[in-house]
Protein backbone atom coordinates (compact mmCIF):
# COMPACT_ATOMS: atom_id res chain seq x y z
CA MET A 1 81.94 117.68 101.98
CA THR A 2 81.87 115.12 104.78
CA THR A 3 81.95 116.42 108.34
CA ARG A 4 84.51 114.54 110.42
CA ALA A 5 84.87 114.37 114.18
CA VAL A 6 88.55 115.28 113.90
CA SER A 7 89.80 117.54 111.12
CA ARG A 8 93.28 117.09 109.71
CA ARG A 9 94.17 120.57 110.87
CA SER A 10 93.26 119.78 114.49
CA ALA A 11 94.91 116.36 114.27
CA LEU A 12 98.18 117.79 112.97
CA ARG A 13 98.09 120.45 115.67
CA ARG A 14 98.63 117.62 118.18
CA ILE A 15 101.85 116.57 116.49
CA GLY A 16 104.89 117.83 118.34
CA ALA A 17 108.60 117.64 117.76
CA GLY A 18 109.52 115.95 121.03
CA ALA A 19 111.74 112.91 120.77
CA GLY A 20 110.23 109.59 121.79
CA ALA A 21 111.88 106.95 123.89
CA LEU A 22 111.35 104.26 121.27
CA THR A 23 113.91 103.47 118.64
CA LEU A 24 112.72 103.11 115.06
CA LEU A 25 114.82 102.97 111.93
CA PRO A 26 114.28 106.42 110.38
CA PHE A 27 114.31 105.31 106.76
CA LEU A 28 113.53 102.22 104.75
CA SER A 29 116.29 100.57 102.76
CA GLU A 30 116.11 100.80 98.96
CA GLU A 31 114.49 97.37 98.95
CA GLY A 32 112.02 98.47 101.59
CA LEU A 33 111.11 101.60 99.65
CA ALA A 34 110.59 99.52 96.51
CA ALA A 35 108.30 97.21 98.49
CA PHE A 36 106.37 100.22 99.82
CA VAL A 37 105.90 101.62 96.31
CA LYS A 38 104.65 98.21 95.15
CA ILE A 39 102.17 98.00 98.05
CA GLN A 40 100.74 101.42 97.19
CA ALA A 41 100.53 100.69 93.46
CA ALA A 42 98.90 97.29 93.90
CA GLY A 43 96.28 98.45 96.37
CA ALA A 44 96.08 94.85 97.54
CA ALA A 45 94.88 93.69 100.94
CA PRO A 46 97.50 94.15 103.68
CA ALA A 47 100.00 91.32 104.15
CA PRO A 48 102.10 92.51 107.11
CA LYS A 49 105.47 90.92 107.80
CA VAL A 50 105.75 91.63 111.54
CA VAL A 51 102.45 92.70 113.06
CA SER A 52 99.47 90.35 113.27
CA PRO A 53 96.21 91.18 111.44
CA SER A 54 94.66 92.53 114.66
CA GLN A 55 97.80 94.56 115.46
CA TYR A 56 97.77 95.90 111.89
CA ALA A 57 94.14 97.01 112.35
CA THR A 58 95.08 98.86 115.55
CA LEU A 59 98.10 100.48 113.90
CA GLU A 60 96.04 101.48 110.85
CA ALA A 61 93.35 103.07 113.05
CA LEU A 62 96.02 104.92 115.05
CA VAL A 63 97.87 106.40 112.07
CA GLU A 64 94.56 107.43 110.45
CA ALA A 65 93.65 109.26 113.67
CA ILE A 66 96.98 111.10 113.44
CA ILE A 67 96.57 112.10 109.78
CA PRO A 68 92.90 111.63 108.89
CA ALA A 69 91.41 111.91 105.41
CA ASP A 70 89.81 115.25 104.61
CA GLU A 71 88.44 117.14 101.61
CA ARG A 72 91.98 117.97 100.50
CA SER A 73 93.46 114.48 100.26
CA PRO A 74 93.27 110.93 101.64
CA GLY A 75 94.68 110.15 105.06
CA ALA A 76 97.31 107.82 106.46
CA LYS A 77 95.18 104.71 106.01
CA GLU A 78 94.87 105.08 102.24
CA ALA A 79 98.54 106.13 102.03
CA ARG A 80 99.38 102.71 103.55
CA VAL A 81 101.32 104.21 106.45
CA ALA A 82 100.72 101.09 108.56
CA ASP A 83 102.45 99.03 105.84
CA TYR A 84 105.40 101.44 105.88
CA ILE A 85 105.81 101.02 109.65
CA ASP A 86 105.49 97.25 109.34
CA LEU A 87 108.24 97.28 106.70
CA LEU A 88 110.43 99.37 109.02
CA LEU A 89 109.91 96.85 111.79
CA SER A 90 110.77 94.01 109.43
CA GLU A 91 114.09 95.71 108.68
CA ALA A 92 114.92 96.45 112.33
CA GLY A 93 118.02 94.51 113.29
CA ASP A 94 117.20 94.65 116.99
CA ASP A 95 114.37 92.41 118.25
CA SER A 96 113.76 94.85 121.10
CA VAL A 97 112.53 97.46 118.61
CA ARG A 98 109.81 95.13 117.35
CA GLU A 99 108.96 94.03 120.88
CA THR A 100 108.62 97.63 122.03
CA TRP A 101 106.32 98.50 119.13
CA LEU A 102 104.15 95.44 119.66
CA GLY A 103 104.07 96.25 123.37
CA GLY A 104 103.00 99.81 122.56
CA LEU A 105 100.08 98.58 120.45
CA ALA A 106 99.03 96.24 123.26
CA ALA A 107 99.30 99.07 125.81
CA LEU A 108 97.13 101.29 123.59
CA ASP A 109 94.41 98.62 123.52
CA THR A 110 94.70 98.13 127.28
CA GLU A 111 94.32 101.87 127.88
CA ALA A 112 91.32 102.04 125.54
CA GLY A 113 89.73 99.13 127.36
CA THR A 114 90.38 100.63 130.79
CA ARG A 115 88.90 104.00 129.84
CA PHE A 116 86.13 103.08 127.46
CA GLY A 117 85.61 99.33 127.71
CA ALA A 118 86.55 98.60 124.09
CA ALA A 119 89.58 97.93 121.91
CA PHE A 120 91.11 100.99 120.23
CA VAL A 121 89.68 100.08 116.82
CA ARG A 122 86.16 100.08 118.30
CA LEU A 123 86.33 103.51 119.93
CA ALA A 124 84.08 106.33 118.76
CA PRO A 125 85.88 109.31 117.16
CA ALA A 126 85.34 111.47 120.25
CA GLN A 127 86.87 108.76 122.46
CA VAL A 128 89.89 108.48 120.15
CA GLU A 129 90.29 112.27 120.29
CA THR A 130 90.16 112.26 124.10
CA LEU A 131 92.63 109.40 124.47
CA LEU A 132 95.19 110.74 121.99
CA THR A 133 94.95 114.28 123.32
CA ASP A 134 95.71 112.99 126.81
CA LEU A 135 98.68 110.96 125.49
CA SER A 136 100.05 114.17 123.92
CA ARG A 137 100.00 116.25 127.08
CA ASN A 138 103.45 115.15 128.28
CA GLU A 139 105.11 115.25 124.89
CA ALA A 140 107.66 117.95 125.72
CA ALA A 141 108.58 116.35 129.05
CA ALA A 142 111.82 114.42 129.44
CA GLU A 143 110.01 111.69 131.35
CA LYS A 144 107.11 109.94 129.63
CA THR A 145 105.17 106.81 130.30
CA PRO A 146 105.91 103.99 127.84
CA LEU A 147 102.54 104.59 126.16
CA GLU A 148 103.19 108.33 125.83
CA ALA A 149 106.60 107.59 124.32
CA PHE A 150 105.04 105.08 121.94
CA PHE A 151 102.49 107.62 120.75
CA THR A 152 105.13 110.31 120.22
CA THR A 153 107.25 107.96 118.12
CA THR A 154 104.23 106.73 116.17
CA LYS A 155 103.35 110.32 115.25
CA GLN A 156 106.87 110.95 113.99
CA ALA A 157 106.87 107.71 111.98
CA THR A 158 103.41 108.49 110.58
CA ILE A 159 104.44 111.92 109.34
CA HIS A 160 107.58 110.54 107.69
CA ALA A 161 105.71 107.64 106.10
CA TYR A 162 102.82 109.79 104.87
CA TYR A 163 105.06 112.32 103.17
CA THR A 164 107.08 109.49 101.63
CA SER A 165 103.93 108.02 100.06
CA GLU A 166 102.47 108.80 96.65
CA ILE A 167 99.41 110.30 98.31
CA GLY A 168 101.41 112.51 100.67
CA ILE A 169 103.75 113.77 97.98
CA HIS A 170 101.31 114.34 95.14
CA LYS A 171 97.80 114.64 96.57
CA GLU A 172 98.63 116.49 99.78
CA LEU A 173 101.69 118.50 98.78
CA HIS A 174 100.77 118.70 95.07
CA TYR A 175 104.42 118.15 94.15
CA LYS A 176 104.78 118.15 90.37
CA GLY A 177 108.52 117.59 90.07
CA ASN A 178 111.27 120.09 89.35
CA GLN A 179 109.86 122.83 87.17
CA LEU A 180 111.02 126.29 86.20
CA LEU A 181 108.71 128.83 87.82
CA ALA A 182 108.47 132.27 86.28
CA GLU A 183 106.80 133.40 89.48
CA PHE A 184 106.24 131.82 92.89
CA VAL A 185 102.68 132.39 94.08
CA GLY A 186 102.16 131.79 97.78
CA CYS A 187 99.12 130.03 99.19
CA GLN A 188 96.19 132.43 98.95
CA THR A 189 94.59 131.12 102.14
CA GLN A 190 96.93 133.57 103.87
CA ASP A 191 94.71 136.27 102.37
CA GLY A 192 91.52 134.56 103.48
CA LYS A 193 90.75 133.08 100.04
CA ASP A 194 90.48 129.55 98.69
CA CYS A 195 93.78 128.74 97.00
CA PRO A 196 93.58 127.60 93.36
CA HIS A 197 97.24 126.50 93.45
CA CYS A 198 97.26 124.01 96.35
CA GLY A 199 93.53 123.39 96.65
CA GLN A 200 93.39 124.39 100.31
CA LYS A 201 90.25 126.11 101.57
CA ALA A 202 90.42 129.31 103.60
């Protein structure tokens, strides 16, 4: 098992329910969902519609920091969450939504440079952890800086995108479709044991 600087459990602990100041379409259209399925199935190199290659790299690093890969399942990067968000931005009818997102990515790089002298994608895991933890501190507050609001909205979009993906649904949640259960067995990690049903370790 690989030791990671940030476990998924600690990363998800940072995710709050506060509403961000950014506006993002909550769901892809049917055409957008079909495009997202195709992107995941093809496993091809990214071909973003809205963000530039460097912006895509920043977005991909950010969403992976929010839901990192672990021993249970792949993270947001492999689930192609950055592609999902790019598709959402391509469907946004309001140019200001795209401009705000692109501005948020630029602000994240600026903050990383100010604090650590490097672009966000070049930060060490501990530096990413410090920066994102600090951006989460004001999450429940009504007033946030634009960068704090951007991070809150990105977390919400990442969660939605991840659990819309094939990886999130089947590898993380182990969803097997509608089945008749003679008995529902809860996760045994509640009893301090490794769970043979969901694969989670105690």
